Amino acid sequence: MDSSSQRKPGVAQRAFAIVLSRLPAVNNRPGLISFLIDSAEGGKSRPGRLTDAALRGRLAHFDAHSANEIAAVRKALSADNGSAIVYESWPALDSCLRFWYGFVGSQIRPIESACEACGALNRGSVGGAVGESFLRLCGCGQVSRITVPNHLPLPGATTR
């Protein structure tokens, strides 16, 4: 797939593999999707997590992936621990990372919640659209519904 020629014509492109994996289901609802960007030279990014809607938005942006490719990825990720690899061309690793981690409307951002059962603070970074919900499983076994907030929490701020 050569999607980025539309992004920056005349700039040399490099291929990056985006490794996608479905995390285990929570209460019979699909888990989040983990991704890792791997360059042809072996440079890897930090892992990220996405909701299904956030993944679809990234794959559909720039018309970089065909409808058939997106359908195949969604099918591969429909089961727990399902996996798929998509390839994208970018001028450099940093531009690919900025796109995947900073996608408008569903940036990868820290999301915190306190477990209602045990009080444990659960932290993680997730890419999802504002107002979108997903389930999170605490170590104590309690399931909580987390909604992506419309703003990032201020450092040191507490939530009610």
C-alpha atoms as a PDB file:
ATOM      1  CA  MET A   1       0.000   0.000   0.000  1.00  0.00           C
ATOM      2  CA  ASP A   2       1.360   3.403  -0.898  1.00  0.00           C
ATOM      3  CA  SER A   3      -0.945   5.824   0.820  1.00  0.00           C
ATOM      4  CA  SER A   4       1.298   8.721   1.611  1.00  0.00           C
ATOM      5  CA  SER A   5       2.223   9.760  -1.920  1.00  0.00           C
ATOM      6  CA  GLN A   6      -0.966  11.834  -1.670  1.00  0.00           C
ATOM      7  CA  ARG A   7       0.291  13.356   1.587  1.00  0.00           C
ATOM      8  CA  LYS A   8       3.685  14.710   0.494  1.00  0.00           C
ATOM      9  CA  PRO A   9       4.419  14.339  -3.206  1.00  0.00           C
ATOM     10  CA  GLY A  10       8.108  14.179  -4.064  1.00  0.00           C
ATOM     11  CA  VAL A  11       9.175  13.071  -0.580  1.00  0.00           C
ATOM     12  CA  ALA A  12      10.823   9.664  -0.318  1.00  0.00           C
ATOM     13  CA  GLN A  13       8.535   7.204   1.424  1.00  0.00           C
ATOM     14  CA  ARG A  14       9.360   4.399   3.840  1.00  0.00           C
ATOM     15  CA  ALA A  15       7.166   1.417   4.635  1.00  0.00           C
ATOM     16  CA  PHE A  16       5.945   0.900   8.181  1.00  0.00           C
ATOM     17  CA  ALA A  17       4.141  -2.146   9.511  1.00  0.00           C
ATOM     18  CA  ILE A  18       1.339  -1.436  11.976  1.00  0.00           C
ATOM     19  CA  VAL A  19       0.859  -4.582  14.045  1.00  0.00           C
ATOM     20  CA  LEU A  20      -2.705  -4.815  15.405  1.00  0.00           C
ATOM     21  CA  SER A  21      -3.921  -7.217  18.115  1.00  0.00           C
ATOM     22  CA  ARG A  22      -7.316  -7.628  19.774  1.00  0.00           C
ATOM     23  CA  LEU A  23      -7.089  -7.588  23.550  1.00  0.00           C
ATOM     24  CA  PRO A  24      -9.281 -10.031  25.527  1.00  0.00           C
ATOM     25  CA  ALA A  25     -13.022  -9.363  25.738  1.00  0.00           C
ATOM     26  CA  VAL A  26     -14.552  -7.808  28.837  1.00  0.00           C
ATOM     27  CA  ASN A  27     -18.064  -8.989  29.797  1.00  0.00           C
ATOM     28  CA  ASN A  28     -18.595 -10.498  26.342  1.00  0.00           C
ATOM     29  CA  ARG A  29     -17.769  -7.154  24.675  1.00  0.00           C
ATOM     30  CA  PRO A  30     -14.749  -6.876  22.377  1.00  0.00           C
ATOM     31  CA  GLY A  31     -11.570  -5.666  24.034  1.00  0.00           C
ATOM     32  CA  LEU A  32      -9.528  -2.713  22.872  1.00  0.00           C
ATOM     33  CA  ILE A  33      -7.086  -3.022  19.991  1.00  0.00           C
ATOM     34  CA  SER A  34      -3.375  -2.823  20.679  1.00  0.00           C
ATOM     35  CA  PHE A  35      -1.057  -1.470  17.996  1.00  0.00           C
ATOM     36  CA  LEU A  36       2.678  -1.188  17.523  1.00  0.00           C
ATOM     37  CA  ILE A  37       4.397   0.582  14.641  1.00  0.00           C
ATOM     38  CA  ASP A  38       7.452  -1.183  13.252  1.00  0.00           C
ATOM     39  CA  SER A  39       9.714   0.341  10.610  1.00  0.00           C
ATOM     40  CA  ALA A  40      11.535  -1.649   7.947  1.00  0.00           C
ATOM     41  CA  GLU A  41      14.769  -0.849   9.801  1.00  0.00           C
ATOM     42  CA  GLY A  42      13.452  -2.490  12.968  1.00  0.00           C
ATOM     43  CA  GLY A  43      12.658   0.700  14.908  1.00  0.00           C
ATOM     44  CA  LYS A  44       9.536   0.155  17.030  1.00  0.00           C
ATOM     45  CA  SER A  45       7.197   2.597  18.700  1.00  0.00           C
ATOM     46  CA  ARG A  46       5.662   2.348  22.129  1.00  0.00           C
ATOM     47  CA  PRO A  47       2.448   0.310  22.078  1.00  0.00           C
ATOM     48  CA  GLY A  48      -0.887   2.092  21.899  1.00  0.00           C
ATOM     49  CA  ARG A  49      -4.503   1.067  22.447  1.00  0.00           C
ATOM     50  CA  LEU A  50      -7.509   2.034  20.390  1.00  0.00           C
ATOM     51  CA  THR A  51     -11.242   1.586  20.360  1.00  0.00           C
ATOM     52  CA  ASP A  52     -12.764   0.039  17.230  1.00  0.00           C
ATOM     53  CA  ALA A  53     -14.051   3.429  16.050  1.00  0.00           C
ATOM     54  CA  ALA A  54     -10.625   5.024  16.502  1.00  0.00           C
ATOM     55  CA  LEU A  55      -8.991   2.256  14.448  1.00  0.00           C
ATOM     56  CA  ARG A  56     -11.571   2.573  11.651  1.00  0.00           C
ATOM     57  CA  GLY A  57     -10.967   6.324  11.495  1.00  0.00           C
ATOM     58  CA  ARG A  58      -7.222   5.881  11.114  1.00  0.00           C
ATOM     59  CA  LEU A  59      -7.535   3.168   8.478  1.00  0.00           C
ATOM     60  CA  ALA A  60     -10.085   5.125   6.434  1.00  0.00           C
ATOM     61  CA  HIS A  61      -8.219   8.444   6.570  1.00  0.00           C
ATOM     62  CA  PHE A  62      -6.491   9.492   3.320  1.00  0.00           C
ATOM     63  CA  ASP A  63      -8.254   6.537   1.634  1.00  0.00           C
ATOM     64  CA  ALA A  64      -5.020   4.738   2.479  1.00  0.00           C
ATOM     65  CA  HIS A  65      -6.612   1.309   2.748  1.00  0.00           C
ATOM     66  CA  SER A  66      -9.223  -0.223   0.472  1.00  0.00           C
ATOM     67  CA  ALA A  67     -12.631  -1.235   1.780  1.00  0.00           C
ATOM     68  CA  ASN A  68     -11.662  -4.882   1.263  1.00  0.00           C
ATOM     69  CA  GLU A  69      -8.464  -4.438   3.297  1.00  0.00           C
ATOM     70  CA  ILE A  70     -10.360  -2.719   6.128  1.00  0.00           C
ATOM     71  CA  ALA A  71     -12.969  -5.507   6.109  1.00  0.00           C
ATOM     72  CA  ALA A  72     -10.216  -8.139   6.271  1.00  0.00           C
ATOM     73  CA  VAL A  73      -8.563  -6.360   9.209  1.00  0.00           C
ATOM     74  CA  ARG A  74     -11.866  -6.061  11.065  1.00  0.00           C
ATOM     75  CA  LYS A  75     -12.568  -9.761  10.492  1.00  0.00           C
ATOM     76  CA  ALA A  76      -9.084 -10.745  11.717  1.00  0.00           C
ATOM     77  CA  LEU A  77      -9.602  -8.624  14.844  1.00  0.00           C
ATOM     78  CA  SER A  78     -13.113  -9.896  15.567  1.00  0.00           C
ATOM     79  CA  ALA A  79     -11.901 -12.651  17.920  1.00  0.00           C
ATOM     80  CA  ASP A  80      -9.953 -12.353  21.169  1.00  0.00           C
ATOM     81  CA  ASN A  81      -6.223 -12.263  20.437  1.00  0.00           C
ATOM     82  CA  GLY A  82      -6.921 -11.858  16.713  1.00  0.00           C
ATOM     83  CA  SER A  83      -4.168 -10.024  14.879  1.00  0.00           C
ATOM     84  CA  ALA A  84      -3.462  -8.287  11.605  1.00  0.00           C
ATOM     85  CA  ILE A  85      -0.698  -6.234  10.048  1.00  0.00           C
ATOM     86  CA  VAL A  86      -1.295  -3.242   7.793  1.00  0.00           C
ATOM     87  CA  TYR A  87       1.414  -1.422   5.877  1.00  0.00           C
ATOM     88  CA  GLU A  88       1.637   2.300   5.345  1.00  0.00           C
ATOM     89  CA  SER A  89       4.166   4.517   3.578  1.00  0.00           C
ATOM     90  CA  TRP A  90       5.349   7.641   5.348  1.00  0.00           C
ATOM     91  CA  PRO A  91       8.306  10.012   4.860  1.00  0.00           C
ATOM     92  CA  ALA A  92       9.686   9.146   8.332  1.00  0.00           C
ATOM     93  CA  LEU A  93       8.831   7.228  11.482  1.00  0.00           C
ATOM     94  CA  ASP A  94       7.992  10.420  13.396  1.00  0.00           C
ATOM     95  CA  SER A  95       5.307  11.424  10.872  1.00  0.00           C
ATOM     96  CA  CYS A  96       3.731   7.953  11.111  1.00  0.00           C
ATOM     97  CA  LEU A  97       3.819   8.140  14.929  1.00  0.00           C
ATOM     98  CA  ARG A  98       2.258  11.617  14.958  1.00  0.00           C
ATOM     99  CA  PHE A  99      -0.588  10.366  12.783  1.00  0.00           C
ATOM    100  CA  TRP A 100      -1.309   7.180  14.765  1.00  0.00           C
ATOM    101  CA  TYR A 101      -0.889   8.688  18.255  1.00  0.00           C
ATOM    102  CA  GLY A 102      -2.253  12.180  17.576  1.00  0.00           C
ATOM    103  CA  PHE A 103      -5.155  11.442  15.217  1.00  0.00           C
ATOM    104  CA  VAL A 104      -7.644  14.312  15.394  1.00  0.00           C
ATOM    105  CA  GLY A 105     -10.706  13.361  17.415  1.00  0.00           C
ATOM    106  CA  SER A 106      -9.215  10.267  19.036  1.00  0.00           C
ATOM    107  CA  GLN A 107      -5.708  11.095  20.228  1.00  0.00           C
ATOM    108  CA  ILE A 108      -3.958   8.546  22.403  1.00  0.00           C
ATOM    109  CA  ARG A 109      -4.324  10.069  25.839  1.00  0.00           C
ATOM    110  CA  PRO A 110      -4.167   9.057  29.486  1.00  0.00           C
ATOM    111  CA  ILE A 111      -7.432   7.883  30.986  1.00  0.00           C
ATOM    112  CA  GLU A 112      -7.741   7.226  34.708  1.00  0.00           C
ATOM    113  CA  SER A 113     -10.517   5.629  36.704  1.00  0.00           C
ATOM    114  CA  ALA A 114     -10.960   4.397  40.247  1.00  0.00           C
ATOM    115  CA  CYS A 115     -12.449   0.955  40.773  1.00  0.00           C
ATOM    116  CA  GLU A 116     -15.765   1.167  42.617  1.00  0.00           C
ATOM    117  CA  ALA A 117     -15.187  -2.201  44.301  1.00  0.00           C
ATOM    118  CA  CYS A 118     -11.598  -1.967  45.575  1.00  0.00           C
ATOM    119  CA  GLY A 119     -10.702   1.694  45.037  1.00  0.00           C
ATOM    120  CA  ALA A 120      -7.638   0.897  42.919  1.00  0.00           C
ATOM    121  CA  LEU A 121      -6.604   3.623  40.513  1.00  0.00           C
ATOM    122  CA  ASN A 122      -6.497   2.258  36.961  1.00  0.00           C
ATOM    123  CA  ARG A 123      -4.400   4.196  34.475  1.00  0.00           C
ATOM    124  CA  GLY A 124      -3.826   3.652  30.808  1.00  0.00           C
ATOM    125  CA  SER A 125      -3.582   5.476  27.520  1.00  0.00           C
ATOM    126  CA  VAL A 126      -6.351   4.907  24.990  1.00  0.00           C
ATOM    127  CA  GLY A 127      -7.305   6.414  21.643  1.00  0.00           C
ATOM    128  CA  GLY A 128     -11.020   6.928  21.382  1.00  0.00           C
ATOM    129  CA  ALA A 129     -13.504   9.578  20.333  1.00  0.00           C
ATOM    130  CA  VAL A 130     -14.831  11.967  22.970  1.00  0.00           C
ATOM    131  CA  GLY A 131     -17.920  10.430  24.586  1.00  0.00           C
ATOM    132  CA  GLU A 132     -17.081   6.922  23.375  1.00  0.00           C
ATOM    133  CA  SER A 133     -17.257   4.209  26.049  1.00  0.00           C
ATOM    134  CA  PHE A 134     -15.354   0.985  26.588  1.00  0.00           C
ATOM    135  CA  LEU A 135     -15.121  -1.557  29.387  1.00  0.00           C
ATOM    136  CA  ARG A 136     -12.111  -1.901  31.661  1.00  0.00           C
ATOM    137  CA  LEU A 137     -11.416  -4.895  33.907  1.00  0.00           C
ATOM    138  CA  CYS A 138      -9.773  -4.173  37.270  1.00  0.00           C
ATOM    139  CA  GLY A 139      -7.383  -6.647  38.876  1.00  0.00           C
ATOM    140  CA  CYS A 140     -10.057  -7.386  41.489  1.00  0.00           C
ATOM    141  CA  GLY A 141     -12.450  -8.596  38.772  1.00  0.00           C
ATOM    142  CA  GLN A 142     -14.760  -5.543  38.777  1.00  0.00           C
ATOM    143  CA  VAL A 143     -15.767  -4.252  35.326  1.00  0.00           C
ATOM    144  CA  SER A 144     -16.158  -0.512  34.832  1.00  0.00           C
ATOM    145  CA  ARG A 145     -17.504   1.451  31.893  1.00  0.00           C
ATOM    146  CA  ILE A 146     -15.059   4.204  30.954  1.00  0.00           C
ATOM    147  CA  THR A 147     -16.108   7.165  28.814  1.00  0.00           C
ATOM    148  CA  VAL A 148     -13.489   9.167  26.930  1.00  0.00           C
ATOM    149  CA  PRO A 149     -13.603  12.690  28.414  1.00  0.00           C
ATOM    150  CA  ASN A 150     -13.836  15.831  26.292  1.00  0.00           C
ATOM    151  CA  HIS A 151     -10.632  17.220  27.775  1.00  0.00           C
ATOM    152  CA  LEU A 152      -7.388  16.068  29.262  1.00  0.00           C
ATOM    153  CA  PRO A 153      -7.202  16.202  33.059  1.00  0.00           C
ATOM    154  CA  LEU A 154      -4.985  18.943  34.453  1.00  0.00           C
ATOM    155  CA  PRO A 155      -1.827  17.684  36.173  1.00  0.00           C
ATOM    156  CA  GLY A 156      -2.599  17.028  39.842  1.00  0.00           C
ATOM    157  CA  ALA A 157      -6.353  17.521  39.357  1.00  0.00           C
ATOM    158  CA  THR A 158      -8.733  15.068  40.968  1.00  0.00           C
ATOM    159  CA  THR A 159     -11.988  13.867  39.489  1.00  0.00           C
ATOM    160  CA  ARG A 160     -15.205  13.245  41.380  1.00  0.00           C
END
